[in-house]
């Protein structure tokens, strides 16, 4: 693509204004057929409102659908996983790496310059050769798509912020399916069904409204045999107590075993409760009153989070089933 006016003449043309338009950057992206994957990515990363903001000005280097499809050459499931809850954190970093917090029209781009992005401490390199503009290794294929709060330039590659980029692992399904697939977690699967929590932990490939990401500490069947009055918790009238018990095993965040620090405290899905972690060598333990649950099988990946299998049921402070004594 040839861009007249691009070069390194040294003139400061950053103040060149885009042509007036009523559409925000977010609306320009949504209205452009070849940017539909980017639109989906902005939605998944909860960045749509950021690029609707009329009080901020941005330049977005927007990868085309073909550019996103090329990620499949790296990994067949990479793009799908980035768009799921497990991949949102890394997806957000990737998207921010495509954005400059000022308006840069094509004519203002200078060869050899660096453009600081809204991803902290990361910049983009501009190269212009015979009218062809490159941003890092990506080529600008369509320039100066004007918006009310900035400008969009289409590019033919997704820009990857190395070295922080790490491909997320989404496993082969969602957390609900993962629990169901493990034979030693059948009681947990039954409990999730009784508490009507299965939809919370379900996230199919075609689901655009997945919840999460979550970290689930999944007690085995043997762990549940140690729970007094378990059958009481599985009765329909005690669904609230069972829900509290199960939510005490879930963090509303994505925490791999390697991310857990000694004496860490994490708020659970029931935000009135916390879990405390202790590291003993490579073993992760969760302090639960006078008892400790050990992680026996860590980092079981799903597209809406990760599960760590544990050998004890965790007992929240409000654990009860009618008047039953829930101490062990």
Protein backbone atom coordinates (compact mmCIF):
# COMPACT_ATOMS: atom_id res chain seq x y z
CA UNK A 1 0.00 0.00 0.00
CA UNK A 2 1.32 3.42 -0.90
CA UNK A 3 0.72 6.29 1.48
CA UNK A 4 1.37 9.74 0.14
CA UNK A 5 2.79 12.09 2.70
CA UNK A 6 4.51 9.32 4.73
CA UNK A 7 8.19 9.74 5.33
CA UNK A 8 10.75 11.02 7.77
CA UNK A 9 10.88 14.65 6.80
CA UNK A 10 10.99 15.65 10.44
CA UNK A 11 7.86 17.80 10.27
CA UNK A 12 5.64 17.44 13.31
CA UNK A 13 2.28 16.51 11.85
CA UNK A 14 0.80 14.76 14.89
CA UNK A 15 -1.75 17.54 15.13
CA UNK A 16 -3.20 16.65 11.74
CA UNK A 17 -6.83 16.07 12.63
CA UNK A 18 -9.00 13.24 11.32
CA UNK A 19 -11.95 14.17 9.16
CA UNK A 20 -15.08 14.78 11.25
CA UNK A 21 -17.18 11.68 11.95
CA UNK A 22 -19.80 10.74 14.51
CA UNK A 23 -18.57 7.16 14.96
CA UNK A 24 -16.23 6.27 17.80
CA UNK A 25 -13.31 3.90 17.28
CA UNK A 26 -15.38 1.08 18.75
CA UNK A 27 -18.19 1.82 16.31
CA UNK A 28 -15.80 2.05 13.35
CA UNK A 29 -14.38 -1.38 14.23
CA UNK A 30 -17.85 -2.93 14.60
CA UNK A 31 -18.99 -1.43 11.29
CA UNK A 32 -15.97 -2.77 9.38
CA UNK A 33 -16.58 -6.30 8.08
CA UNK A 34 -12.88 -7.17 7.94
CA UNK A 35 -12.44 -6.27 11.63
CA UNK A 36 -15.14 -8.51 13.10
CA UNK A 37 -12.64 -10.64 15.02
CA UNK A 38 -11.12 -7.53 16.54
CA UNK A 39 -14.61 -6.42 17.55
CA UNK A 40 -15.16 -9.78 19.26
CA UNK A 41 -11.78 -9.45 20.99
CA UNK A 42 -12.60 -5.96 22.30
CA UNK A 43 -15.87 -7.31 23.67
CA UNK A 44 -14.21 -10.31 25.31
CA UNK A 45 -11.62 -8.04 26.95
CA UNK A 46 -14.24 -5.50 28.10
CA UNK A 47 -12.49 -2.73 26.16
CA UNK A 48 -15.42 -1.54 24.04
CA UNK A 49 -16.28 1.29 26.42
CA UNK A 50 -12.65 2.42 26.44
CA UNK A 51 -12.80 3.06 22.71
CA UNK A 52 -16.18 4.75 22.90
CA UNK A 53 -14.77 7.37 25.25
CA UNK A 54 -14.97 10.78 23.57
CA UNK A 55 -12.70 12.32 26.23
CA UNK A 56 -9.70 10.26 25.12
CA UNK A 57 -7.86 10.13 21.78
CA UNK A 58 -6.36 6.97 20.34
CA UNK A 59 -4.62 5.51 17.33
CA UNK A 60 -5.50 1.84 16.87
CA UNK A 61 -3.49 -0.46 14.62
CA UNK A 62 -6.26 -2.92 13.84
CA UNK A 63 -5.45 -6.49 12.74
CA UNK A 64 -7.74 -7.82 10.04
CA UNK A 65 -9.68 -11.06 10.36
CA UNK A 66 -7.00 -12.78 8.24
CA UNK A 67 -4.36 -11.52 10.64
CA UNK A 68 -6.16 -13.10 13.58
CA UNK A 69 -6.74 -16.30 11.60
CA UNK A 70 -3.00 -16.57 11.07
CA UNK A 71 -2.61 -17.16 14.81
CA UNK A 72 -3.94 -20.64 14.11
CA UNK A 73 -0.62 -21.38 12.43
CA UNK A 74 0.98 -20.98 15.87
CA UNK A 75 -1.66 -23.10 17.58
CA UNK A 76 -4.98 -24.32 16.22
CA UNK A 77 -6.78 -23.35 19.44
CA UNK A 78 -4.85 -20.18 20.29
CA UNK A 79 -7.36 -17.63 18.97
CA UNK A 80 -10.33 -19.51 20.45
CA UNK A 81 -8.60 -19.67 23.82
CA UNK A 82 -7.63 -15.98 23.81
CA UNK A 83 -11.32 -15.11 23.38
CA UNK A 84 -12.36 -17.27 26.37
CA UNK A 85 -12.19 -16.21 30.06
CA UNK A 86 -8.92 -18.07 30.58
CA UNK A 87 -7.28 -16.04 27.82
CA UNK A 88 -8.74 -12.62 28.61
CA UNK A 89 -5.80 -11.37 30.69
CA UNK A 90 -3.29 -12.11 27.91
CA UNK A 91 -5.75 -10.95 25.22
CA UNK A 92 -6.03 -7.58 27.00
CA UNK A 93 -2.24 -7.18 26.91
CA UNK A 94 -2.18 -8.01 23.20
CA UNK A 95 -4.92 -5.51 22.37
CA UNK A 96 -3.34 -2.71 24.41
CA UNK A 97 -0.13 -3.30 22.45
CA UNK A 98 -1.99 -2.15 19.33
CA UNK A 99 -3.05 1.22 20.77
CA UNK A 100 -1.33 4.60 21.02
CA UNK A 101 -2.84 7.25 23.31
CA UNK A 102 -2.76 10.05 20.73
CA UNK A 103 -3.92 10.61 17.15
CA UNK A 104 -1.37 9.52 14.56
CA UNK A 105 -2.61 10.04 11.01
CA UNK A 106 -0.67 8.32 8.24
CA UNK A 107 1.09 11.51 7.25
CA UNK A 108 2.45 11.97 10.78
CA UNK A 109 4.17 8.56 10.97
CA UNK A 110 7.95 8.83 10.75
CA UNK A 111 10.29 6.02 9.77
CA UNK A 112 12.56 4.96 12.63
CA UNK A 113 10.27 6.37 15.30
CA UNK A 114 8.80 4.57 18.29
CA UNK A 115 5.19 4.87 19.40
CA UNK A 116 4.51 4.24 23.11
CA UNK A 117 1.43 2.04 23.52
CA UNK A 118 -1.08 1.90 26.35
CA UNK A 119 0.54 -1.38 27.41
CA UNK A 120 2.96 -0.10 30.02
CA UNK A 121 6.60 0.08 28.91
CA UNK A 122 5.88 -1.27 25.42
CA UNK A 123 6.36 0.68 22.19
CA UNK A 124 5.87 0.02 18.47
CA UNK A 125 8.53 0.57 15.81
CA UNK A 126 7.60 2.44 12.62
CA UNK A 127 9.37 1.72 9.34
CA UNK A 128 8.51 3.38 6.02
CA UNK A 129 10.05 2.13 2.80
CA UNK A 130 8.94 3.38 -0.62
CA UNK A 131 5.52 4.33 0.75
CA UNK A 132 4.95 1.06 2.58
CA UNK A 133 4.37 1.54 6.30
CA UNK A 134 5.27 -1.20 8.75
CA UNK A 135 4.41 -1.31 12.43
CA UNK A 136 6.92 -3.79 13.82
CA UNK A 137 6.59 -6.58 11.21
CA UNK A 138 2.98 -5.79 10.26
CA UNK A 139 2.11 -3.80 7.15
CA UNK A 140 -0.51 -1.06 7.18
CA UNK A 141 -3.00 -2.16 4.51
CA UNK A 142 -5.60 0.56 5.02
CA UNK A 143 -4.84 3.88 6.67
CA UNK A 144 -6.75 6.80 8.17
CA UNK A 145 -10.09 5.25 9.08
CA UNK A 146 -11.36 8.28 10.95
CA UNK A 147 -13.26 8.20 14.21
CA UNK A 148 -14.64 10.83 16.54
CA UNK A 149 -12.04 9.92 19.17
CA UNK A 150 -9.07 9.03 16.98
CA UNK A 151 -8.04 7.00 13.98
CA UNK A 152 -7.81 3.34 12.94
CA UNK A 153 -5.18 1.85 10.61
CA UNK A 154 -5.73 -1.74 9.43
CA UNK A 155 -2.67 -4.03 9.61
CA UNK A 156 -2.04 -7.53 8.27
CA UNK A 157 -0.54 -9.15 11.39
CA UNK A 158 -1.38 -9.36 15.07
CA UNK A 159 1.30 -7.60 17.11
CA UNK A 160 2.61 -9.80 19.94
CA UNK A 161 4.12 -8.13 23.03
CA UNK A 162 7.19 -10.27 23.65
CA UNK A 163 8.51 -11.40 26.07
CA UNK A 164 5.41 -11.15 28.29
CA UNK A 165 3.21 -13.09 25.88
CA UNK A 166 2.38 -16.62 27.01
CA UNK A 167 -0.18 -18.64 25.09
CA UNK A 168 -3.07 -19.54 27.41
CA UNK A 169 -4.13 -23.17 27.83
CA UNK A 170 -7.88 -23.77 27.63
CA UNK A 171 -7.85 -27.54 27.88
CA UNK A 172 -10.56 -29.37 25.98
CA UNK A 173 -13.72 -27.91 27.50
CA UNK A 174 -15.21 -25.93 30.36
CA UNK A 175 -14.88 -26.46 34.11
CA UNK A 176 -18.28 -28.17 34.37
CA UNK A 177 -17.25 -30.69 31.73
CA UNK A 178 -13.85 -31.13 33.36
CA UNK A 179 -15.43 -32.05 36.70
CA UNK A 180 -17.82 -34.46 35.00
CA UNK A 181 -14.97 -36.14 33.09
CA UNK A 182 -12.91 -37.00 36.19
CA UNK A 183 -14.21 -40.18 37.84
CA UNK A 184 -12.96 -39.23 41.30
CA UNK A 185 -14.97 -35.97 41.22
CA UNK A 186 -18.43 -37.53 40.80
CA UNK A 187 -19.70 -36.24 44.17
CA UNK A 188 -18.61 -32.71 43.29
CA UNK A 189 -20.43 -33.03 39.96
CA UNK A 190 -23.57 -34.14 41.82
CA UNK A 191 -23.25 -31.23 44.25
CA UNK A 192 -22.84 -28.67 41.46
CA UNK A 193 -26.01 -29.98 39.84
CA UNK A 194 -27.93 -29.89 43.14
CA UNK A 195 -26.82 -26.29 43.74
CA UNK A 196 -27.73 -25.34 40.14
CA UNK A 197 -24.19 -24.06 39.62
CA UNK A 198 -23.40 -26.03 36.45
CA UNK A 199 -24.34 -23.08 34.14
CA UNK A 200 -21.90 -20.85 36.07
CA UNK A 201 -19.02 -23.11 35.12
CA UNK A 202 -20.16 -23.90 31.56
CA UNK A 203 -18.55 -22.19 28.57
CA UNK A 204 -18.92 -23.71 25.12
CA UNK A 205 -16.94 -22.65 22.05
CA UNK A 206 -19.98 -20.80 20.69
CA UNK A 207 -20.88 -19.13 23.99
CA UNK A 208 -20.34 -15.37 23.82
CA UNK A 209 -21.33 -14.79 27.46
CA UNK A 210 -18.98 -17.09 29.36
CA UNK A 211 -18.44 -16.36 33.04
CA UNK A 212 -15.06 -16.45 34.74
CA UNK A 213 -12.23 -17.01 34.75
CA UNK A 214 -12.43 -19.16 37.87
CA UNK A 215 -10.01 -21.22 39.94
CA UNK A 216 -11.72 -24.28 41.42
CA UNK A 217 -10.30 -26.35 44.27
CA UNK A 218 -12.06 -29.63 43.55
CA UNK A 219 -12.47 -32.14 46.44
CA UNK A 220 -12.36 -35.81 45.53
CA UNK A 221 -15.08 -38.33 46.33
CA UNK A 222 -12.98 -39.58 49.26
CA UNK A 223 -12.81 -36.02 50.58
CA UNK A 224 -16.61 -35.73 50.55
CA UNK A 225 -16.97 -38.97 52.57
CA UNK A 226 -15.40 -37.09 55.51
CA UNK A 227 -18.15 -34.42 55.48
CA UNK A 228 -20.76 -34.92 58.23
CA UNK A 229 -24.37 -34.70 57.09
CA UNK A 230 -23.43 -34.59 53.39
CA UNK A 231 -26.84 -35.94 52.40
CA UNK A 232 -28.43 -33.05 54.28
CA UNK A 233 -26.56 -30.60 52.04
CA UNK A 234 -27.78 -32.38 48.94
CA UNK A 235 -31.46 -31.90 49.85
CA UNK A 236 -33.31 -29.28 47.73
CA UNK A 237 -34.35 -27.26 50.77
CA UNK A 238 -30.71 -26.78 51.74
CA UNK A 239 -29.48 -25.51 48.37
CA UNK A 240 -28.32 -22.21 49.90
CA UNK A 241 -26.04 -23.95 52.39
CA UNK A 242 -24.65 -26.21 49.66
CA UNK A 243 -24.06 -23.20 47.40
CA UNK A 244 -22.05 -21.46 50.13
CA UNK A 245 -20.01 -24.60 50.66
CA UNK A 246 -19.20 -24.97 46.95
CA UNK A 247 -18.48 -21.27 46.37
CA UNK A 248 -15.90 -21.48 49.18
CA UNK A 249 -13.90 -23.73 46.83
CA UNK A 250 -13.82 -21.15 44.01
CA UNK A 251 -11.71 -18.05 43.40
CA UNK A 252 -13.15 -15.47 40.96
CA UNK A 253 -9.75 -15.22 39.26
CA UNK A 254 -7.23 -17.34 37.36
CA UNK A 255 -4.57 -18.77 39.67
CA UNK A 256 -2.12 -21.44 38.53
CA UNK A 257 -0.25 -23.47 41.15
CA UNK A 258 2.96 -21.60 40.30
CA UNK A 259 1.22 -18.28 41.06
CA UNK A 260 0.40 -19.22 44.67
CA UNK A 261 2.68 -17.67 47.28
CA UNK A 262 3.25 -18.79 50.85
CA UNK A 263 0.75 -17.20 53.26
CA UNK A 264 -1.33 -15.89 50.34
CA UNK A 265 -4.91 -14.97 51.23
CA UNK A 266 -7.50 -15.01 48.47
CA UNK A 267 -11.16 -13.95 48.54
CA UNK A 268 -13.49 -16.69 47.34
CA UNK A 269 -16.55 -16.55 45.10
CA UNK A 270 -18.45 -16.08 48.36
CA UNK A 271 -16.82 -12.73 49.04
CA UNK A 272 -17.37 -13.02 52.80
CA UNK A 273 -14.81 -15.82 52.95
CA UNK A 274 -11.08 -16.13 52.28
CA UNK A 275 -8.64 -18.99 51.71
CA UNK A 276 -5.13 -19.05 53.15
CA UNK A 277 -2.36 -20.93 51.32
CA UNK A 278 0.81 -22.50 52.71
CA UNK A 279 3.68 -23.81 50.60
CA UNK A 280 5.69 -26.77 51.79
CA UNK A 281 8.33 -27.32 49.15
CA UNK A 282 6.36 -27.91 45.96
CA UNK A 283 3.21 -28.90 47.84
CA UNK A 284 0.35 -26.40 48.07
CA UNK A 285 -1.83 -26.59 51.16
CA UNK A 286 -4.99 -24.66 52.02
CA UNK A 287 -5.48 -23.87 55.68
CA UNK A 288 -9.03 -24.64 56.81
CA UNK A 289 -9.42 -24.16 60.55
CA UNK A 290 -7.45 -26.91 62.28
CA UNK A 291 -7.26 -28.90 59.05
CA UNK A 292 -5.35 -28.55 55.81
CA UNK A 293 -6.35 -29.57 52.32
CA UNK A 294 -3.53 -30.57 49.96
CA UNK A 295 -3.48 -29.97 46.23
CA UNK A 296 -2.91 -33.45 44.83
CA UNK A 297 -3.31 -32.68 41.12
CA UNK A 298 -2.69 -29.10 40.00
CA UNK A 299 -3.40 -27.09 36.86
CA UNK A 300 -6.22 -28.93 35.12
CA UNK A 301 -7.04 -26.46 32.35
CA UNK A 302 -10.44 -25.40 31.05
CA UNK A 303 -11.63 -22.61 28.77
CA UNK A 304 -13.19 -20.73 31.69
CA UNK A 305 -10.51 -21.34 34.30
CA UNK A 306 -8.37 -23.93 36.01
CA UNK A 307 -9.06 -26.69 38.57
CA UNK A 308 -6.79 -28.02 41.31
CA UNK A 309 -7.84 -31.34 42.83
CA UNK A 310 -7.66 -31.42 46.66
CA UNK A 311 -7.93 -34.16 49.30
CA UNK A 312 -10.27 -32.42 51.79
CA UNK A 313 -13.53 -30.50 51.60
CA UNK A 314 -13.04 -26.89 52.70
CA UNK A 315 -15.44 -25.72 55.39
CA UNK A 316 -16.52 -22.06 55.32
CA UNK A 317 -17.23 -20.26 58.57
CA UNK A 318 -20.95 -20.23 57.77
CA UNK A 319 -21.07 -23.93 56.90
CA UNK A 320 -24.19 -25.53 58.27
CA UNK A 321 -27.13 -27.66 57.29
CA UNK A 322 -30.19 -26.62 59.31
CA UNK A 323 -29.10 -27.27 62.92
CA UNK A 324 -26.42 -29.83 62.05
CA UNK A 325 -23.05 -29.46 63.68
CA UNK A 326 -20.55 -29.05 60.83
CA UNK A 327 -17.34 -29.42 62.83
CA UNK A 328 -14.91 -32.21 62.03
